[in-house]
Amino acid sequence: MNDMSPEQPGMADVLAAIGQLRTEVAVRFDRVDAKFEQVRADVAQVRADVAATKAEALFGEARASDAQEAIRRHLADPNAHGRPAA
């Protein structure tokens, strides 16, 4: 029988191909790991920003409540500050 198919790869060729694939997979996993680390860092930054924004909002609400109370007291007694109202 005259077989015209190309020569089958030998064991050394198969092992070399496996080594090349192993290297390529390792490089890709390293890239994926780096991307996940960047995502984790970005999420941590977003969480910190949200916490800071909540703190600022609470501080602003407290100041607004203080201002509202001062206005109520002033309207109830404009001279309560120790000087005549303008």
Protein backbone atom coordinates (compact mmCIF):
# COMPACT_ATOMS: atom_id res chain seq x y z
CA MET A 1 0.00 0.00 0.00
CA ASN A 2 1.35 3.42 -1.00
CA ASP A 3 0.29 5.84 1.75
CA MET A 4 0.66 9.51 0.72
CA SER A 5 -0.16 10.94 4.16
CA PRO A 6 2.47 13.09 5.85
CA GLU A 7 4.81 11.51 8.33
CA GLN A 8 3.33 11.07 11.79
CA PRO A 9 4.97 13.16 14.50
CA GLY A 10 7.33 11.34 16.80
CA MET A 11 7.25 11.35 20.59
CA ALA A 12 9.80 14.19 20.71
CA ASP A 13 7.53 16.31 18.48
CA VAL A 14 4.52 15.58 20.67
CA LEU A 15 6.43 16.43 23.85
CA ALA A 16 7.74 19.65 22.29
CA ALA A 17 4.20 20.65 21.28
CA ILE A 18 2.92 19.88 24.79
CA GLY A 19 5.72 22.00 26.27
CA GLN A 20 4.84 24.89 23.96
CA LEU A 21 1.16 24.66 24.88
CA ARG A 22 2.03 24.48 28.56
CA THR A 23 4.09 27.67 28.22
CA GLU A 24 1.33 29.48 26.31
CA VAL A 25 -1.30 28.44 28.87
CA ALA A 26 0.92 29.58 31.75
CA VAL A 27 1.41 32.98 30.10
CA ARG A 28 -2.33 33.37 29.57
CA PHE A 29 -3.11 32.39 33.16
CA ASP A 30 -0.58 34.96 34.35
CA ARG A 31 -2.36 37.60 32.27
CA VAL A 32 -5.75 36.53 33.64
CA ASP A 33 -4.40 36.65 37.20
CA ALA A 34 -3.06 40.14 36.60
CA LYS A 35 -6.43 41.26 35.23
CA PHE A 36 -8.25 39.81 38.25
CA GLU A 37 -5.86 41.59 40.60
CA GLN A 38 -6.54 44.86 38.77
CA VAL A 39 -10.29 44.25 39.04
CA ARG A 40 -9.93 43.53 42.76
CA ALA A 41 -7.98 46.75 43.23
CA ASP A 42 -10.58 48.71 41.25
CA VAL A 43 -13.41 47.23 43.33
CA ALA A 44 -11.57 48.10 46.54
CA GLN A 45 -11.16 51.68 45.31
CA VAL A 46 -14.86 51.91 44.45
CA ARG A 47 -15.77 50.60 47.91
CA ALA A 48 -13.50 53.20 49.52
CA ASP A 49 -15.06 55.94 47.38
CA VAL A 50 -18.57 54.81 48.33
CA ALA A 51 -17.68 54.78 52.02
CA ALA A 52 -16.18 58.28 51.76
CA THR A 53 -19.24 59.54 49.90
CA LYS A 54 -21.55 58.08 52.55
CA ALA A 55 -19.50 59.76 55.28
CA GLU A 56 -19.66 63.09 53.45
CA ALA A 57 -23.42 62.72 52.96
CA LEU A 58 -23.96 61.97 56.65
CA PHE A 59 -21.81 64.95 57.63
CA GLY A 60 -23.78 67.17 55.24
CA GLU A 61 -27.10 65.90 56.59
CA ALA A 62 -25.95 66.61 60.16
CA ARG A 63 -24.92 70.15 59.18
CA ALA A 64 -28.24 70.67 57.38
CA SER A 65 -30.13 69.50 60.48
CA ASP A 66 -28.10 71.90 62.64
CA ALA A 67 -28.85 74.77 60.25
CA GLN A 68 -32.56 73.92 60.18
CA GLU A 69 -32.66 73.87 63.98
CA ALA A 70 -30.87 77.23 64.15
CA ILE A 71 -33.35 78.74 61.68
CA ARG A 72 -36.33 77.35 63.67
CA ARG A 73 -34.94 78.84 66.90
CA HIS A 74 -34.27 82.14 65.22
CA LEU A 75 -37.78 82.30 63.79
CA ALA A 76 -39.22 81.42 67.20
CA ASP A 77 -37.16 84.11 68.98
CA PRO A 78 -35.15 86.44 66.66
CA ASN A 79 -33.47 88.15 69.65
CA ALA A 80 -32.24 84.95 71.31
CA HIS A 81 -28.70 85.50 70.03
CA GLY A 82 -27.92 88.27 72.47
CA ARG A 83 -28.20 90.99 69.83
CA PRO A 84 -31.12 92.43 67.92
CA ALA A 85 -32.15 90.68 64.74
CA ALA A 86 -31.23 92.45 61.54
